[in-house]
PDB file of N, CA and C in Angstrom:
ATOM      1  N   MET A   1       9.186  -9.378  14.367  1.00  0.00           N
ATOM      2  CA  MET A   1       8.508  -8.478  15.273  1.00  0.00           C
ATOM      3  C   MET A   1       8.173  -7.178  14.544  1.00  0.00           C
ATOM      4  N   ALA A   2       6.949  -6.739  14.658  1.00  0.00           N
ATOM      5  CA  ALA A   2       6.503  -5.510  14.013  1.00  0.00           C
ATOM      6  C   ALA A   2       7.060  -4.295  14.736  1.00  0.00           C
ATOM      7  N   THR A   3       7.358  -3.261  13.963  1.00  0.00           N
ATOM      8  CA  THR A   3       7.872  -2.032  14.577  1.00  0.00           C
ATOM      9  C   THR A   3       6.753  -1.110  15.034  1.00  0.00           C
ATOM     10  N   HIS A   4       5.533  -1.376  14.615  1.00  0.00           N
ATOM     11  CA  HIS A   4       4.379  -0.578  15.038  1.00  0.00           C
ATOM     12  C   HIS A   4       3.375  -1.509  15.708  1.00  0.00           C
ATOM     13  N   SER A   5       3.390  -1.508  17.013  1.00  0.00           N
ATOM     14  CA  SER A   5       2.538  -2.431  17.761  1.00  0.00           C
ATOM     15  C   SER A   5       1.049  -2.128  17.597  1.00  0.00           C
ATOM     16  N   GLU A   6       0.705  -0.936  17.099  1.00  0.00           N
ATOM     17  CA  GLU A   6      -0.708  -0.605  16.908  1.00  0.00           C
ATOM     18  C   GLU A   6      -1.319  -1.350  15.721  1.00  0.00           C
ATOM     19  N   PHE A   7      -0.475  -1.970  14.898  1.00  0.00           N
ATOM     20  CA  PHE A   7      -0.957  -2.751  13.767  1.00  0.00           C
ATOM     21  C   PHE A   7      -0.868  -4.228  14.098  1.00  0.00           C
ATOM     22  N   GLY A   8      -1.862  -4.973  13.662  1.00  0.00           N
ATOM     23  CA  GLY A   8      -1.874  -6.415  13.875  1.00  0.00           C
ATOM     24  C   GLY A   8      -2.258  -7.134  12.601  1.00  0.00           C
ATOM     25  N   GLU A   9      -2.429  -8.417  12.707  1.00  0.00           N
ATOM     26  CA  GLU A   9      -2.731  -9.218  11.521  1.00  0.00           C
ATOM     27  C   GLU A   9      -4.094  -8.904  10.918  1.00  0.00           C
ATOM     28  N   THR A  10      -4.969  -8.253  11.675  1.00  0.00           N
ATOM     29  CA  THR A  10      -6.289  -7.903  11.141  1.00  0.00           C
ATOM     30  C   THR A  10      -6.401  -6.429  10.753  1.00  0.00           C
ATOM     31  N   THR A  11      -5.311  -5.682  10.862  1.00  0.00           N
ATOM     32  CA  THR A  11      -5.336  -4.260  10.492  1.00  0.00           C
ATOM     33  C   THR A  11      -5.415  -4.144   8.972  1.00  0.00           C
ATOM     34  N   PRO A  12      -6.435  -3.447   8.462  1.00  0.00           N
ATOM     35  CA  PRO A  12      -6.535  -3.289   7.013  1.00  0.00           C
ATOM     36  C   PRO A  12      -5.403  -2.413   6.467  1.00  0.00           C
ATOM     37  N   GLY A  13      -4.984  -2.694   5.246  1.00  0.00           N
ATOM     38  CA  GLY A  13      -3.937  -1.902   4.609  1.00  0.00           C
ATOM     39  C   GLY A  13      -4.308  -0.441   4.490  1.00  0.00           C
ATOM     40  N   SER A  14      -5.593  -0.160   4.331  1.00  0.00           N
ATOM     41  CA  SER A  14      -6.030   1.232   4.227  1.00  0.00           C
ATOM     42  C   SER A  14      -5.708   2.014   5.496  1.00  0.00           C
ATOM     43  N   GLU A  15      -5.816   1.370   6.653  1.00  0.00           N
ATOM     44  CA  GLU A  15      -5.470   2.027   7.917  1.00  0.00           C
ATOM     45  C   GLU A  15      -3.970   2.264   8.031  1.00  0.00           C
ATOM     46  N   VAL A  16      -3.187   1.310   7.559  1.00  0.00           N
ATOM     47  CA  VAL A  16      -1.732   1.468   7.591  1.00  0.00           C
ATOM     48  C   VAL A  16      -1.324   2.617   6.672  1.00  0.00           C
ATOM     49  N   ALA A  17      -1.884   2.672   5.469  1.00  0.00           N
ATOM     50  CA  ALA A  17      -1.555   3.739   4.522  1.00  0.00           C
ATOM     51  C   ALA A  17      -1.920   5.108   5.092  1.00  0.00           C
ATOM     52  N   LYS A  18      -3.047   5.203   5.779  1.00  0.00           N
ATOM     53  CA  LYS A  18      -3.455   6.472   6.394  1.00  0.00           C
ATOM     54  C   LYS A  18      -2.489   6.912   7.488  1.00  0.00           C
ATOM     55  N   PHE A  19      -1.794   5.971   8.084  1.00  0.00           N
ATOM     56  CA  PHE A  19      -0.839   6.265   9.150  1.00  0.00           C
ATOM     57  C   PHE A  19       0.457   6.857   8.587  1.00  0.00           C
ATOM     58  N   PHE A  20       0.738   6.598   7.308  1.00  0.00           N
ATOM     59  CA  PHE A  20       1.991   7.033   6.685  1.00  0.00           C
ATOM     60  C   PHE A  20       1.768   7.934   5.464  1.00  0.00           C
ATOM     61  N   PRO A  21       0.913   8.930   5.551  1.00  0.00           N
ATOM     62  CA  PRO A  21       0.648   9.743   4.350  1.00  0.00           C
ATOM     63  C   PRO A  21       1.885  10.473   3.839  1.00  0.00           C
ATOM     64  N   ASP A  22       2.748  10.945   4.724  1.00  0.00           N
ATOM     65  CA  ASP A  22       3.925  11.699   4.291  1.00  0.00           C
ATOM     66  C   ASP A  22       4.946  10.830   3.563  1.00  0.00           C
ATOM     67  N   GLN A  23       4.911   9.524   3.808  1.00  0.00           N
ATOM     68  CA  GLN A  23       5.822   8.613   3.118  1.00  0.00           C
ATOM     69  C   GLN A  23       5.274   8.183   1.766  1.00  0.00           C
ATOM     70  N   ILE A  24       3.998   8.474   1.485  1.00  0.00           N
ATOM     71  CA  ILE A  24       3.374   8.057   0.232  1.00  0.00           C
ATOM     72  C   ILE A  24       3.036   9.261  -0.643  1.00  0.00           C
ATOM     73  N   ARG A  25       2.403  10.280  -0.065  1.00  0.00           N
ATOM     74  CA  ARG A  25       1.933  11.442  -0.823  1.00  0.00           C
ATOM     75  C   ARG A  25       3.100  12.129  -1.535  1.00  0.00           C
ATOM     76  N   GLY A  26       2.903  12.350  -2.847  1.00  0.00           N
ATOM     77  CA  GLY A  26       3.897  13.063  -3.628  1.00  0.00           C
ATOM     78  C   GLY A  26       5.129  12.250  -3.991  1.00  0.00           C
ATOM     79  N   ARG A  27       5.096  10.959  -3.760  1.00  0.00           N
ATOM     80  CA  ARG A  27       6.253  10.101  -4.062  1.00  0.00           C
ATOM     81  C   ARG A  27       5.897   9.084  -5.141  1.00  0.00           C
ATOM     82  N   ILE A  28       6.885   8.322  -5.537  1.00  0.00           N
ATOM     83  CA  ILE A  28       6.672   7.230  -6.486  1.00  0.00           C
ATOM     84  C   ILE A  28       6.551   5.934  -5.683  1.00  0.00           C
ATOM     85  N   ALA A  29       5.489   5.192  -5.936  1.00  0.00           N
ATOM     86  CA  ALA A  29       5.269   3.920  -5.244  1.00  0.00           C
ATOM     87  C   ALA A  29       5.253   2.792  -6.267  1.00  0.00           C
ATOM     88  N   LEU A  30       5.888   1.689  -5.918  1.00  0.00           N
ATOM     89  CA  LEU A  30       5.934   0.503  -6.775  1.00  0.00           C
ATOM     90  C   LEU A  30       5.314  -0.665  -6.023  1.00  0.00           C
ATOM     91  N   VAL A  31       4.321  -1.294  -6.626  1.00  0.00           N
ATOM     92  CA  VAL A  31       3.692  -2.486  -6.056  1.00  0.00           C
ATOM     93  C   VAL A  31       3.931  -3.621  -7.042  1.00  0.00           C
ATOM     94  N   THR A  32       4.602  -4.677  -6.584  1.00  0.00           N
ATOM     95  CA  THR A  32       4.922  -5.800  -7.475  1.00  0.00           C
ATOM     96  C   THR A  32       4.033  -6.999  -7.177  1.00  0.00           C
ATOM     97  N   GLY A  33       3.898  -7.856  -8.181  1.00  0.00           N
ATOM     98  CA  GLY A  33       3.122  -9.083  -8.014  1.00  0.00           C
ATOM     99  C   GLY A  33       1.643  -8.846  -7.913  1.00  0.00           C
ATOM    100  N   ILE A  34       1.164  -7.760  -8.495  1.00  0.00           N
ATOM    101  CA  ILE A  34      -0.248  -7.417  -8.359  1.00  0.00           C
ATOM    102  C   ILE A  34      -1.126  -8.320  -9.223  1.00  0.00           C
ATOM    103  N   SER A  35      -2.267  -8.692  -8.666  1.00  0.00           N
ATOM    104  CA  SER A  35      -3.260  -9.483  -9.388  1.00  0.00           C
ATOM    105  C   SER A  35      -4.634  -9.158  -8.806  1.00  0.00           C
ATOM    106  N   PRO A  36      -5.688  -9.390  -9.588  1.00  0.00           N
ATOM    107  CA  PRO A  36      -7.033  -9.078  -9.119  1.00  0.00           C
ATOM    108  C   PRO A  36      -7.383  -9.827  -7.824  1.00  0.00           C
ATOM    109  N   ARG A  37      -8.113  -9.151  -6.957  1.00  0.00           N
ATOM    110  CA  ARG A  37      -8.633  -9.732  -5.706  1.00  0.00           C
ATOM    111  C   ARG A  37      -7.521 -10.303  -4.818  1.00  0.00           C
ATOM    112  N   SER A  38      -6.395  -9.610  -4.768  1.00  0.00           N
ATOM    113  CA  SER A  38      -5.267 -10.084  -3.962  1.00  0.00           C
ATOM    114  C   SER A  38      -4.879  -9.026  -2.931  1.00  0.00           C
ATOM    115  N   ILE A  39      -4.006  -9.409  -2.037  1.00  0.00           N
ATOM    116  CA  ILE A  39      -3.515  -8.449  -1.051  1.00  0.00           C
ATOM    117  C   ILE A  39      -2.744  -7.323  -1.736  1.00  0.00           C
ATOM    118  N   THR A  40      -2.090  -7.632  -2.842  1.00  0.00           N
ATOM    119  CA  THR A  40      -1.355  -6.583  -3.546  1.00  0.00           C
ATOM    120  C   THR A  40      -2.301  -5.587  -4.210  1.00  0.00           C
ATOM    121  N   GLN A  41      -3.454  -6.052  -4.666  1.00  0.00           N
ATOM    122  CA  GLN A  41      -4.449  -5.124  -5.208  1.00  0.00           C
ATOM    123  C   GLN A  41      -4.923  -4.184  -4.096  1.00  0.00           C
ATOM    124  N   LYS A  42      -5.169  -4.716  -2.936  1.00  0.00           N
ATOM    125  CA  LYS A  42      -5.607  -3.892  -1.807  1.00  0.00           C
ATOM    126  C   LYS A  42      -4.516  -2.918  -1.383  1.00  0.00           C
ATOM    127  N   THR A  43      -3.267  -3.362  -1.443  1.00  0.00           N
ATOM    128  CA  THR A  43      -2.145  -2.480  -1.116  1.00  0.00           C
ATOM    129  C   THR A  43      -2.084  -1.322  -2.114  1.00  0.00           C
ATOM    130  N   ALA A  44      -2.222  -1.624  -3.382  1.00  0.00           N
ATOM    131  CA  ALA A  44      -2.188  -0.582  -4.413  1.00  0.00           C
ATOM    132  C   ALA A  44      -3.321   0.429  -4.201  1.00  0.00           C
ATOM    133  N   LEU A  45      -4.507  -0.048  -3.899  1.00  0.00           N
ATOM    134  CA  LEU A  45      -5.632   0.858  -3.642  1.00  0.00           C
ATOM    135  C   LEU A  45      -5.389   1.714  -2.401  1.00  0.00           C
ATOM    136  N   ALA A  46      -4.803   1.113  -1.371  1.00  0.00           N
ATOM    137  CA  ALA A  46      -4.501   1.869  -0.146  1.00  0.00           C
ATOM    138  C   ALA A  46      -3.461   2.950  -0.425  1.00  0.00           C
ATOM    139  N   PHE A  47      -2.420   2.602  -1.188  1.00  0.00           N
ATOM    140  CA  PHE A  47      -1.414   3.603  -1.555  1.00  0.00           C
ATOM    141  C   PHE A  47      -2.045   4.711  -2.396  1.00  0.00           C
ATOM    142  N   ALA A  48      -2.883   4.334  -3.354  1.00  0.00           N
ATOM    143  CA  ALA A  48      -3.527   5.317  -4.228  1.00  0.00           C
ATOM    144  C   ALA A  48      -4.362   6.311  -3.426  1.00  0.00           C
ATOM    145  N   SER A  49      -4.951   5.874  -2.324  1.00  0.00           N
ATOM    146  CA  SER A  49      -5.775   6.765  -1.503  1.00  0.00           C
ATOM    147  C   SER A  49      -4.953   7.873  -0.854  1.00  0.00           C
ATOM    148  N   GLN A  50      -3.632   7.710  -0.828  1.00  0.00           N
ATOM    149  CA  GLN A  50      -2.755   8.709  -0.213  1.00  0.00           C
ATOM    150  C   GLN A  50      -2.035   9.565  -1.263  1.00  0.00           C
ATOM    151  N   THR A  51      -2.530   9.556  -2.483  1.00  0.00           N
ATOM    152  CA  THR A  51      -2.097  10.380  -3.614  1.00  0.00           C
ATOM    153  C   THR A  51      -0.586  10.435  -3.866  1.00  0.00           C
ATOM    154  N   PRO A  52      -0.014   9.295  -4.235  1.00  0.00           N
ATOM    155  CA  PRO A  52       1.385   9.337  -4.678  1.00  0.00           C
ATOM    156  C   PRO A  52       1.472  10.074  -6.011  1.00  0.00           C
ATOM    157  N   ASP A  53       2.647  10.594  -6.363  1.00  0.00           N
ATOM    158  CA  ASP A  53       2.816  11.212  -7.680  1.00  0.00           C
ATOM    159  C   ASP A  53       2.663  10.183  -8.791  1.00  0.00           C
ATOM    160  N   LEU A  54       3.183   8.995  -8.546  1.00  0.00           N
ATOM    161  CA  LEU A  54       3.139   7.922  -9.533  1.00  0.00           C
ATOM    162  C   LEU A  54       2.991   6.600  -8.809  1.00  0.00           C
ATOM    163  N   LEU A  55       2.083   5.782  -9.278  1.00  0.00           N
ATOM    164  CA  LEU A  55       1.883   4.457  -8.710  1.00  0.00           C
ATOM    165  C   LEU A  55       2.136   3.447  -9.826  1.00  0.00           C
ATOM    166  N   ILE A  56       3.204   2.680  -9.679  1.00  0.00           N
ATOM    167  CA  ILE A  56       3.588   1.691 -10.676  1.00  0.00           C
ATOM    168  C   ILE A  56       3.126   0.325 -10.215  1.00  0.00           C
ATOM    169  N   LEU A  57       2.387  -0.358 -11.066  1.00  0.00           N
ATOM    170  CA  LEU A  57       1.903  -1.698 -10.777  1.00  0.00           C
ATOM    171  C   LEU A  57       2.640  -2.670 -11.688  1.00  0.00           C
ATOM    172  N   ALA A  58       3.329  -3.634 -11.112  1.00  0.00           N
ATOM    173  CA  ALA A  58       4.119  -4.580 -11.907  1.00  0.00           C
ATOM    174  C   ALA A  58       3.685  -5.997 -11.589  1.00  0.00           C
ATOM    175  N   SER A  59       3.553  -6.799 -12.661  1.00  0.00           N
ATOM    176  CA  SER A  59       3.163  -8.199 -12.491  1.00  0.00           C
ATOM    177  C   SER A  59       3.785  -9.026 -13.590  1.00  0.00           C
ATOM    178  N   GLY A  60       4.162 -10.242 -13.248  1.00  0.00           N
ATOM    179  CA  GLY A  60       4.699 -11.150 -14.261  1.00  0.00           C
ATOM    180  C   GLY A  60       3.572 -11.918 -14.923  1.00  0.00           C
ATOM    181  N   THR A  61       3.922 -12.678 -15.908  1.00  0.00           N
ATOM    182  CA  THR A  61       2.901 -13.454 -16.614  1.00  0.00           C
ATOM    183  C   THR A  61       2.923 -14.892 -16.162  1.00  0.00           C
TER     184      THR A  61
END
């Protein structure tokens, strides 16, 4: 069960990130399993739009 009922399965990550700017801005964010054209790529872009101090992208080979 989601803790924020205003978000659903079609809510874009960019909208979710805009809802939590204070939890992202000025902090360190880690996104794992990132790959081109994936949900993790979109998550990283959404986090980046909220200006974290550092955005770490990690992926295995």
